Amino acid sequence: MAAQWGNNSLAAGASAGWFFARSREDGFLPVLQVMPMSPSFTDNLWYVAGDGYPYWNELGVSTIWSQLSNDSQTLIYFMVVENKSNNTIEYAFLESDL
């Protein structure tokens, strides 16, 4: 089951970059996502944006990139959250480990 944490808001048309650091463990794979906590007040359907990934009801999350620290002890994960609606959207993070 995923753990929900954090509560953030994102203005209309804005994006936010996030990074998460975890100790390196063999066989560990995090699953990171965001969940809207407020409606987008739009009836738009999904589409593929110019940067190549799809949006559904206006709150989009980039592909998650990762980097191993120089000492090989820490994995750092990067993601971008985008709000393509005309309204501020509240959201929370969801995380699960595989």
PDB file of N, CA and C in Angstrom:
ATOM      1  N   MET A   1       0.839  -1.169   0.000  1.00  0.00           N
ATOM      2  CA  MET A   1       0.000   0.000   0.000  1.00  0.00           C
ATOM      3  C   MET A   1       0.889   1.238   0.000  1.00  0.00           C
ATOM      4  N   ALA A   2       0.474   2.250  -0.738  1.00  0.00           N
ATOM      5  CA  ALA A   2       1.257   3.483  -0.847  1.00  0.00           C
ATOM      6  C   ALA A   2       1.052   4.371   0.375  1.00  0.00           C
ATOM      7  N   ALA A   3       2.095   5.082   0.732  1.00  0.00           N
ATOM      8  CA  ALA A   3       2.022   6.062   1.815  1.00  0.00           C
ATOM      9  C   ALA A   3       1.804   7.441   1.201  1.00  0.00           C
ATOM     10  N   GLN A   4       0.853   8.174   1.759  1.00  0.00           N
ATOM     11  CA  GLN A   4       0.591   9.535   1.302  1.00  0.00           C
ATOM     12  C   GLN A   4       1.257  10.501   2.258  1.00  0.00           C
ATOM     13  N   TRP A   5       1.961  11.511   1.717  1.00  0.00           N
ATOM     14  CA  TRP A   5       2.624  12.487   2.572  1.00  0.00           C
ATOM     15  C   TRP A   5       2.772  13.809   1.831  1.00  0.00           C
ATOM     16  N   GLY A   6       2.978  14.844   2.596  1.00  0.00           N
ATOM     17  CA  GLY A   6       3.153  16.175   2.032  1.00  0.00           C
ATOM     18  C   GLY A   6       1.849  16.747   1.514  1.00  0.00           C
ATOM     19  N   ASN A   7       1.773  18.047   1.456  1.00  0.00           N
ATOM     20  CA  ASN A   7       0.626  18.741   0.905  1.00  0.00           C
ATOM     21  C   ASN A   7       1.157  20.021   0.285  1.00  0.00           C
ATOM     22  N   ASN A   8       1.030  20.143  -1.026  1.00  0.00           N
ATOM     23  CA  ASN A   8       1.585  21.272  -1.752  1.00  0.00           C
ATOM     24  C   ASN A   8       0.528  21.877  -2.655  1.00  0.00           C
ATOM     25  N   SER A   9       0.718  23.122  -3.031  1.00  0.00           N
ATOM     26  CA  SER A   9      -0.165  23.744  -4.010  1.00  0.00           C
ATOM     27  C   SER A   9       0.674  24.213  -5.187  1.00  0.00           C
ATOM     28  N   LEU A  10       0.042  24.214  -6.345  1.00  0.00           N
ATOM     29  CA  LEU A  10       0.726  24.589  -7.568  1.00  0.00           C
ATOM     30  C   LEU A  10      -0.183  25.525  -8.344  1.00  0.00           C
ATOM     31  N   ALA A  11       0.299  26.724  -8.632  1.00  0.00           N
ATOM     32  CA  ALA A  11      -0.492  27.737  -9.330  1.00  0.00           C
ATOM     33  C   ALA A  11      -0.770  27.305 -10.768  1.00  0.00           C
ATOM     34  N   ALA A  12      -1.779  27.911 -11.355  1.00  0.00           N
ATOM     35  CA  ALA A  12      -2.138  27.627 -12.747  1.00  0.00           C
ATOM     36  C   ALA A  12      -0.948  27.852 -13.663  1.00  0.00           C
ATOM     37  N   GLY A  13      -0.660  26.872 -14.515  1.00  0.00           N
ATOM     38  CA  GLY A  13       0.431  26.984 -15.471  1.00  0.00           C
ATOM     39  C   GLY A  13       1.825  26.828 -14.899  1.00  0.00           C
ATOM     40  N   ALA A  14       1.944  26.548 -13.616  1.00  0.00           N
ATOM     41  CA  ALA A  14       3.254  26.446 -12.965  1.00  0.00           C
ATOM     42  C   ALA A  14       3.756  25.003 -12.932  1.00  0.00           C
ATOM     43  N   SER A  15       5.044  24.859 -12.649  1.00  0.00           N
ATOM     44  CA  SER A  15       5.637  23.545 -12.432  1.00  0.00           C
ATOM     45  C   SER A  15       6.556  23.624 -11.222  1.00  0.00           C
ATOM     46  N   ALA A  16       6.813  22.477 -10.607  1.00  0.00           N
ATOM     47  CA  ALA A  16       7.684  22.411  -9.438  1.00  0.00           C
ATOM     48  C   ALA A  16       8.591  21.201  -9.584  1.00  0.00           C
ATOM     49  N   GLY A  17       9.863  21.392  -9.307  1.00  0.00           N
ATOM     50  CA  GLY A  17      10.823  20.302  -9.342  1.00  0.00           C
ATOM     51  C   GLY A  17      11.072  19.775  -7.939  1.00  0.00           C
ATOM     52  N   TRP A  18      11.152  18.475  -7.798  1.00  0.00           N
ATOM     53  CA  TRP A  18      11.355  17.830  -6.494  1.00  0.00           C
ATOM     54  C   TRP A  18      12.462  16.807  -6.602  1.00  0.00           C
ATOM     55  N   PHE A  19      13.156  16.569  -5.489  1.00  0.00           N
ATOM     56  CA  PHE A  19      14.098  15.452  -5.437  1.00  0.00           C
ATOM     57  C   PHE A  19      13.956  14.749  -4.099  1.00  0.00           C
ATOM     58  N   PHE A  20      14.236  13.445  -4.115  1.00  0.00           N
ATOM     59  CA  PHE A  20      14.111  12.598  -2.939  1.00  0.00           C
ATOM     60  C   PHE A  20      15.375  11.756  -2.845  1.00  0.00           C
ATOM     61  N   ALA A  21      15.953  11.667  -1.676  1.00  0.00           N
ATOM     62  CA  ALA A  21      17.174  10.881  -1.474  1.00  0.00           C
ATOM     63  C   ALA A  21      16.869   9.696  -0.576  1.00  0.00           C
ATOM     64  N   ARG A  22      17.340   8.520  -0.973  1.00  0.00           N
ATOM     65  CA  ARG A  22      17.168   7.296  -0.189  1.00  0.00           C
ATOM     66  C   ARG A  22      18.488   6.538  -0.161  1.00  0.00           C
ATOM     67  N   SER A  23      18.745   5.856   0.938  1.00  0.00           N
ATOM     68  CA  SER A  23      19.937   5.003   1.015  1.00  0.00           C
ATOM     69  C   SER A  23      19.839   3.917  -0.037  1.00  0.00           C
ATOM     70  N   ARG A  24      20.964   3.608  -0.640  1.00  0.00           N
ATOM     71  CA  ARG A  24      20.981   2.573  -1.675  1.00  0.00           C
ATOM     72  C   ARG A  24      20.766   1.210  -1.049  1.00  0.00           C
ATOM     73  N   GLU A  25      19.837   0.447  -1.608  1.00  0.00           N
ATOM     74  CA  GLU A  25      19.560  -0.923  -1.163  1.00  0.00           C
ATOM     75  C   GLU A  25      19.383  -1.790  -2.405  1.00  0.00           C
ATOM     76  N   ASP A  26      20.009  -2.956  -2.425  1.00  0.00           N
ATOM     77  CA  ASP A  26      19.817  -3.870  -3.545  1.00  0.00           C
ATOM     78  C   ASP A  26      18.359  -4.308  -3.609  1.00  0.00           C
ATOM     79  N   GLY A  27      17.804  -4.318  -4.805  1.00  0.00           N
ATOM     80  CA  GLY A  27      16.433  -4.773  -5.000  1.00  0.00           C
ATOM     81  C   GLY A  27      15.369  -3.754  -4.648  1.00  0.00           C
ATOM     82  N   PHE A  28      15.745  -2.545  -4.289  1.00  0.00           N
ATOM     83  CA  PHE A  28      14.794  -1.510  -3.911  1.00  0.00           C
ATOM     84  C   PHE A  28      14.402  -0.682  -5.120  1.00  0.00           C
ATOM     85  N   LEU A  29      13.107  -0.464  -5.310  1.00  0.00           N
ATOM     86  CA  LEU A  29      12.615   0.399  -6.372  1.00  0.00           C
ATOM     87  C   LEU A  29      11.453   1.224  -5.830  1.00  0.00           C
ATOM     88  N   PRO A  30      11.629   2.548  -5.713  1.00  0.00           N
ATOM     89  CA  PRO A  30      10.522   3.368  -5.236  1.00  0.00           C
ATOM     90  C   PRO A  30       9.525   3.642  -6.362  1.00  0.00           C
ATOM     91  N   VAL A  31       8.281   3.753  -6.010  1.00  0.00           N
ATOM     92  CA  VAL A  31       7.245   4.183  -6.936  1.00  0.00           C
ATOM     93  C   VAL A  31       6.730   5.507  -6.388  1.00  0.00           C
ATOM     94  N   LEU A  32       6.985   6.597  -7.102  1.00  0.00           N
ATOM     95  CA  LEU A  32       6.597   7.935  -6.659  1.00  0.00           C
ATOM     96  C   LEU A  32       5.531   8.484  -7.598  1.00  0.00           C
ATOM     97  N   GLN A  33       4.545   9.170  -7.038  1.00  0.00           N
ATOM     98  CA  GLN A  33       3.451   9.741  -7.810  1.00  0.00           C
ATOM     99  C   GLN A  33       2.851  10.886  -7.023  1.00  0.00           C
ATOM    100  N   VAL A  34       2.014  11.686  -7.644  1.00  0.00           N
ATOM    101  CA  VAL A  34       1.263  12.712  -6.929  1.00  0.00           C
ATOM    102  C   VAL A  34      -0.226  12.446  -7.102  1.00  0.00           C
ATOM    103  N   MET A  35      -0.995  12.896  -6.123  1.00  0.00           N
ATOM    104  CA  MET A  35      -2.440  12.727  -6.141  1.00  0.00           C
ATOM    105  C   MET A  35      -3.081  14.094  -5.924  1.00  0.00           C
ATOM    106  N   PRO A  36      -3.974  14.530  -6.828  1.00  0.00           N
ATOM    107  CA  PRO A  36      -4.638  15.810  -6.623  1.00  0.00           C
ATOM    108  C   PRO A  36      -5.521  15.774  -5.382  1.00  0.00           C
ATOM    109  N   MET A  37      -5.503  16.860  -4.630  1.00  0.00           N
ATOM    110  CA  MET A  37      -6.338  16.990  -3.437  1.00  0.00           C
ATOM    111  C   MET A  37      -7.468  17.997  -3.659  1.00  0.00           C
ATOM    112  N   SER A  38      -7.456  18.657  -4.823  1.00  0.00           N
ATOM    113  CA  SER A  38      -8.512  19.599  -5.182  1.00  0.00           C
ATOM    114  C   SER A  38      -8.841  19.397  -6.659  1.00  0.00           C
ATOM    115  N   PRO A  39     -10.063  19.715  -7.065  1.00  0.00           N
ATOM    116  CA  PRO A  39     -10.437  19.518  -8.473  1.00  0.00           C
ATOM    117  C   PRO A  39      -9.743  20.526  -9.378  1.00  0.00           C
ATOM    118  N   SER A  40      -9.593  20.144 -10.642  1.00  0.00           N
ATOM    119  CA  SER A  40      -8.975  21.044 -11.617  1.00  0.00           C
ATOM    120  C   SER A  40     -10.012  21.943 -12.290  1.00  0.00           C
ATOM    121  N   PHE A  41     -11.293  21.693 -12.053  1.00  0.00           N
ATOM    122  CA  PHE A  41     -12.381  22.492 -12.623  1.00  0.00           C
ATOM    123  C   PHE A  41     -12.277  22.616 -14.134  1.00  0.00           C
ATOM    124  N   THR A  42     -12.036  21.484 -14.779  1.00  0.00           N
ATOM    125  CA  THR A  42     -11.955  21.455 -16.237  1.00  0.00           C
ATOM    126  C   THR A  42     -12.534  20.145 -16.725  1.00  0.00           C
ATOM    127  N   ASP A  43     -13.018  20.150 -17.944  1.00  0.00           N
ATOM    128  CA  ASP A  43     -13.503  18.913 -18.542  1.00  0.00           C
ATOM    129  C   ASP A  43     -12.594  18.464 -19.673  1.00  0.00           C
ATOM    130  N   ASN A  44     -11.393  19.027 -19.722  1.00  0.00           N
ATOM    131  CA  ASN A  44     -10.445  18.633 -20.760  1.00  0.00           C
ATOM    132  C   ASN A  44     -10.086  17.160 -20.620  1.00  0.00           C
ATOM    133  N   LEU A  45      -9.913  16.502 -21.744  1.00  0.00           N
ATOM    134  CA  LEU A  45      -9.457  15.122 -21.746  1.00  0.00           C
ATOM    135  C   LEU A  45      -7.941  15.107 -21.845  1.00  0.00           C
ATOM    136  N   TRP A  46      -7.340  13.931 -21.754  1.00  0.00           N
ATOM    137  CA  TRP A  46      -5.890  13.856 -21.789  1.00  0.00           C
ATOM    138  C   TRP A  46      -5.371  14.181 -23.176  1.00  0.00           C
ATOM    139  N   TYR A  47      -4.122  14.605 -23.219  1.00  0.00           N
ATOM    140  CA  TYR A  47      -3.436  14.890 -24.466  1.00  0.00           C
ATOM    141  C   TYR A  47      -1.941  14.733 -24.227  1.00  0.00           C
ATOM    142  N   VAL A  48      -1.196  14.640 -25.302  1.00  0.00           N
ATOM    143  CA  VAL A  48       0.260  14.568 -25.192  1.00  0.00           C
ATOM    144  C   VAL A  48       0.798  15.972 -25.421  1.00  0.00           C
ATOM    145  N   ALA A  49       1.553  16.459 -24.474  1.00  0.00           N
ATOM    146  CA  ALA A  49       2.097  17.816 -24.538  1.00  0.00           C
ATOM    147  C   ALA A  49       3.361  17.854 -25.390  1.00  0.00           C
ATOM    148  N   GLY A  50       3.860  19.034 -25.644  1.00  0.00           N
ATOM    149  CA  GLY A  50       5.048  19.222 -26.465  1.00  0.00           C
ATOM    150  C   GLY A  50       6.278  18.531 -25.915  1.00  0.00           C
ATOM    151  N   ASP A  51       6.317  18.288 -24.579  1.00  0.00           N
ATOM    152  CA  ASP A  51       7.473  17.618 -24.005  1.00  0.00           C
ATOM    153  C   ASP A  51       7.352  16.103 -24.056  1.00  0.00           C
ATOM    154  N   GLY A  52       6.251  15.600 -24.612  1.00  0.00           N
ATOM    155  CA  GLY A  52       6.170  14.180 -24.925  1.00  0.00           C
ATOM    156  C   GLY A  52       5.460  13.287 -23.941  1.00  0.00           C
ATOM    157  N   TYR A  53       5.020  13.776 -22.786  1.00  0.00           N
ATOM    158  CA  TYR A  53       4.301  12.880 -21.893  1.00  0.00           C
ATOM    159  C   TYR A  53       2.869  13.363 -21.701  1.00  0.00           C
ATOM    160  N   PRO A  54       1.938  12.421 -21.425  1.00  0.00           N
ATOM    161  CA  PRO A  54       0.516  12.771 -21.402  1.00  0.00           C
ATOM    162  C   PRO A  54       0.078  13.468 -20.114  1.00  0.00           C
ATOM    163  N   TYR A  55      -0.966  14.238 -20.241  1.00  0.00           N
ATOM    164  CA  TYR A  55      -1.613  14.878 -19.091  1.00  0.00           C
ATOM    165  C   TYR A  55      -3.055  14.408 -19.043  1.00  0.00           C
ATOM    166  N   TRP A  56      -3.579  14.197 -17.864  1.00  0.00           N
ATOM    167  CA  TRP A  56      -4.968  13.827 -17.684  1.00  0.00           C
ATOM    168  C   TRP A  56      -5.536  14.757 -16.632  1.00  0.00           C
ATOM    169  N   ASN A  57      -6.600  15.458 -16.997  1.00  0.00           N
ATOM    170  CA  ASN A  57      -7.231  16.429 -16.101  1.00  0.00           C
ATOM    171  C   ASN A  57      -6.243  17.391 -15.478  1.00  0.00           C
ATOM    172  N   GLU A  58      -5.232  17.727 -16.220  1.00  0.00           N
ATOM    173  CA  GLU A  58      -4.389  18.882 -15.974  1.00  0.00           C
ATOM    174  C   GLU A  58      -3.225  18.736 -15.004  1.00  0.00           C
ATOM    175  N   LEU A  59      -3.156  17.741 -14.138  1.00  0.00           N
ATOM    176  CA  LEU A  59      -2.011  17.601 -13.230  1.00  0.00           C
ATOM    177  C   LEU A  59      -1.084  16.529 -13.788  1.00  0.00           C
ATOM    178  N   GLY A  60       0.110  16.909 -14.198  1.00  0.00           N
ATOM    179  CA  GLY A  60       1.028  15.976 -14.841  1.00  0.00           C
ATOM    180  C   GLY A  60       2.291  15.766 -14.037  1.00  0.00           C
ATOM    181  N   VAL A  61       2.875  14.584 -14.167  1.00  0.00           N
ATOM    182  CA  VAL A  61       4.124  14.248 -13.485  1.00  0.00           C
ATOM    183  C   VAL A  61       5.102  13.733 -14.525  1.00  0.00           C
ATOM    184  N   SER A  62       6.327  14.225 -14.443  1.00  0.00           N
ATOM    185  CA  SER A  62       7.348  13.791 -15.385  1.00  0.00           C
ATOM    186  C   SER A  62       7.784  12.362 -15.095  1.00  0.00           C
ATOM    187  N   THR A  63       8.527  11.821 -16.021  1.00  0.00           N
ATOM    188  CA  THR A  63       9.236  10.574 -15.766  1.00  0.00           C
ATOM    189  C   THR A  63      10.210  10.837 -14.620  1.00  0.00           C
ATOM    190  N   ILE A  64      10.421   9.861 -13.797  1.00  0.00           N
ATOM    191  CA  ILE A  64      11.315  10.040 -12.657  1.00  0.00           C
ATOM    192  C   ILE A  64      12.732   9.643 -13.075  1.00  0.00           C
ATOM    193  N   TRP A  65      13.664  10.556 -12.869  1.00  0.00           N
ATOM    194  CA  TRP A  65      15.065  10.316 -13.166  1.00  0.00           C
ATOM    195  C   TRP A  65      15.771   9.936 -11.867  1.00  0.00           C
ATOM    196  N   SER A  66      16.901   9.277 -11.982  1.00  0.00           N
ATOM    197  CA  SER A  66      17.638   8.918 -10.771  1.00  0.00           C
ATOM    198  C   SER A  66      19.135   9.120 -10.986  1.00  0.00           C
ATOM    199  N   GLN A  67      19.827   9.237  -9.872  1.00  0.00           N
ATOM    200  CA  GLN A  67      21.280   9.454  -9.882  1.00  0.00           C
ATOM    201  C   GLN A  67      21.871   8.774  -8.663  1.00  0.00           C
ATOM    202  N   LEU A  68      22.999   8.106  -8.833  1.00  0.00           N
ATOM    203  CA  LEU A  68      23.721   7.491  -7.736  1.00  0.00           C
ATOM    204  C   LEU A  68      24.769   8.475  -7.245  1.00  0.00           C
ATOM    205  N   SER A  69      24.835   8.680  -5.944  1.00  0.00           N
ATOM    206  CA  SER A  69      25.793   9.636  -5.378  1.00  0.00           C
ATOM    207  C   SER A  69      27.231   9.199  -5.661  1.00  0.00           C
ATOM    208  N   ASN A  70      28.162  10.127  -5.536  1.00  0.00           N
ATOM    209  CA  ASN A  70      29.580   9.847  -5.814  1.00  0.00           C
ATOM    210  C   ASN A  70      30.143   8.742  -4.927  1.00  0.00           C
ATOM    211  N   ASP A  71      29.641   8.610  -3.704  1.00  0.00           N
ATOM    212  CA  ASP A  71      30.125   7.550  -2.802  1.00  0.00           C
ATOM    213  C   ASP A  71      29.323   6.254  -2.946  1.00  0.00           C
ATOM    214  N   SER A  72      28.390   6.194  -3.892  1.00  0.00           N
ATOM    215  CA  SER A  72      27.560   5.012  -4.196  1.00  0.00           C
ATOM    216  C   SER A  72      26.677   4.582  -3.035  1.00  0.00           C
ATOM    217  N   GLN A  73      26.404   5.454  -2.087  1.00  0.00           N
ATOM    218  CA  GLN A  73      25.600   5.111  -0.916  1.00  0.00           C
ATOM    219  C   GLN A  73      24.158   5.607  -0.999  1.00  0.00           C
ATOM    220  N   THR A  74      23.904   6.618  -1.831  1.00  0.00           N
ATOM    221  CA  THR A  74      22.592   7.259  -1.860  1.00  0.00           C
ATOM    222  C   THR A  74      22.064   7.339  -3.282  1.00  0.00           C
ATOM    223  N   LEU A  75      20.787   6.985  -3.457  1.00  0.00           N
ATOM    224  CA  LEU A  75      20.093   7.181  -4.724  1.00  0.00           C
ATOM    225  C   LEU A  75      19.247   8.441  -4.602  1.00  0.00           C
ATOM    226  N   ILE A  76      19.321   9.290  -5.605  1.00  0.00           N
ATOM    227  CA  ILE A  76      18.555  10.528  -5.612  1.00  0.00           C
ATOM    228  C   ILE A  76      17.583  10.459  -6.784  1.00  0.00           C
ATOM    229  N   TYR A  77      16.317  10.713  -6.514  1.00  0.00           N
ATOM    230  CA  TYR A  77      15.271  10.651  -7.525  1.00  0.00           C
ATOM    231  C   TYR A  77      14.746  12.053  -7.783  1.00  0.00           C
ATOM    232  N   PHE A  78      14.540  12.393  -9.059  1.00  0.00           N
ATOM    233  CA  PHE A  78      14.069  13.714  -9.457  1.00  0.00           C
ATOM    234  C   PHE A  78      12.751  13.578 -10.213  1.00  0.00           C
ATOM    235  N   MET A  79      11.820  14.512  -9.981  1.00  0.00           N
ATOM    236  CA  MET A  79      10.569  14.532 -10.733  1.00  0.00           C
ATOM    237  C   MET A  79      10.073  15.967 -10.851  1.00  0.00           C
ATOM    238  N   VAL A  80       9.260  16.217 -11.873  1.00  0.00           N
ATOM    239  CA  VAL A  80       8.654  17.522 -12.092  1.00  0.00           C
ATOM    240  C   VAL A  80       7.143  17.342 -12.101  1.00  0.00           C
ATOM    241  N   VAL A  81       6.438  18.204 -11.365  1.00  0.00           N
ATOM    242  CA  VAL A  81       4.981  18.207 -11.340  1.00  0.00           C
ATOM    243  C   VAL A  81       4.520  19.457 -12.074  1.00  0.00           C
ATOM    244  N   GLU A  82       3.581  19.303 -13.007  1.00  0.00           N
ATOM    245  CA  GLU A  82       3.085  20.436 -13.782  1.00  0.00           C
ATOM    246  C   GLU A  82       1.576  20.578 -13.644  1.00  0.00           C
ATOM    247  N   ASN A  83       1.109  21.819 -13.545  1.00  0.00           N
ATOM    248  CA  ASN A  83      -0.313  22.134 -13.481  1.00  0.00           C
ATOM    249  C   ASN A  83      -0.689  22.853 -14.763  1.00  0.00           C
ATOM    250  N   LYS A  84      -1.393  22.176 -15.649  1.00  0.00           N
ATOM    251  CA  LYS A  84      -1.792  22.765 -16.921  1.00  0.00           C
ATOM    252  C   LYS A  84      -3.203  23.341 -16.870  1.00  0.00           C
ATOM    253  N   SER A  85      -3.801  23.424 -15.692  1.00  0.00           N
ATOM    254  CA  SER A  85      -5.156  23.981 -15.579  1.00  0.00           C
ATOM    255  C   SER A  85      -5.106  25.494 -15.420  1.00  0.00           C
ATOM    256  N   ASN A  86      -6.278  26.089 -15.324  1.00  0.00           N
ATOM    257  CA  ASN A  86      -6.386  27.534 -15.100  1.00  0.00           C
ATOM    258  C   ASN A  86      -6.597  27.857 -13.626  1.00  0.00           C
ATOM    259  N   ASN A  87      -6.432  26.879 -12.753  1.00  0.00           N
ATOM    260  CA  ASN A  87      -6.671  27.054 -11.324  1.00  0.00           C
ATOM    261  C   ASN A  87      -5.525  26.462 -10.511  1.00  0.00           C
ATOM    262  N   THR A  88      -5.349  26.957  -9.304  1.00  0.00           N
ATOM    263  CA  THR A  88      -4.388  26.369  -8.375  1.00  0.00           C
ATOM    264  C   THR A  88      -4.876  24.984  -7.968  1.00  0.00           C
ATOM    265  N   ILE A  89      -3.972  24.022  -7.924  1.00  0.00           N
ATOM    266  CA  ILE A  89      -4.319  22.653  -7.526  1.00  0.00           C
ATOM    267  C   ILE A  89      -3.482  22.266  -6.318  1.00  0.00           C
ATOM    268  N   GLU A  90      -4.136  21.692  -5.312  1.00  0.00           N
ATOM    269  CA  GLU A  90      -3.459  21.110  -4.150  1.00  0.00           C
ATOM    270  C   GLU A  90      -3.158  19.648  -4.479  1.00  0.00           C
ATOM    271  N   TYR A  91      -2.001  19.175  -4.055  1.00  0.00           N
ATOM    272  CA  TYR A  91      -1.660  17.771  -4.287  1.00  0.00           C
ATOM    273  C   TYR A  91      -0.804  17.230  -3.161  1.00  0.00           C
ATOM    274  N   ALA A  92      -0.744  15.900  -3.080  1.00  0.00           N
ATOM    275  CA  ALA A  92       0.086  15.204  -2.102  1.00  0.00           C
ATOM    276  C   ALA A  92       0.922  14.161  -2.846  1.00  0.00           C
ATOM    277  N   PHE A  93       2.022  13.744  -2.232  1.00  0.00           N
ATOM    278  CA  PHE A  93       2.864  12.702  -2.803  1.00  0.00           C
ATOM    279  C   PHE A  93       2.376  11.333  -2.353  1.00  0.00           C
ATOM    280  N   LEU A  94       2.546  10.351  -3.224  1.00  0.00           N
ATOM    281  CA  LEU A  94       2.299   8.956  -2.895  1.00  0.00           C
ATOM    282  C   LEU A  94       3.606   8.199  -3.139  1.00  0.00           C
ATOM    283  N   GLU A  95       3.947   7.306  -2.219  1.00  0.00           N
ATOM    284  CA  GLU A  95       5.187   6.534  -2.365  1.00  0.00           C
ATOM    285  C   GLU A  95       4.956   5.106  -1.927  1.00  0.00           C
ATOM    286  N   SER A  96       5.498   4.182  -2.708  1.00  0.00           N
ATOM    287  CA  SER A  96       5.443   2.773  -2.378  1.00  0.00           C
ATOM    288  C   SER A  96       6.780   2.161  -2.772  1.00  0.00           C
ATOM    289  N   ASP A  97       7.209   1.152  -2.095  1.00  0.00           N
ATOM    290  CA  ASP A  97       8.466   0.483  -2.392  1.00  0.00           C
ATOM    291  C   ASP A  97       8.197  -0.890  -2.990  1.00  0.00           C
ATOM    292  N   LEU A  98       8.936  -1.228  -4.043  1.00  0.00           N
ATOM    293  CA  LEU A  98       8.850  -2.573  -4.644  1.00  0.00           C
ATOM    294  C   LEU A  98      10.099  -3.342  -4.317  1.00  0.00           C
TER     295      LEU A  98
END
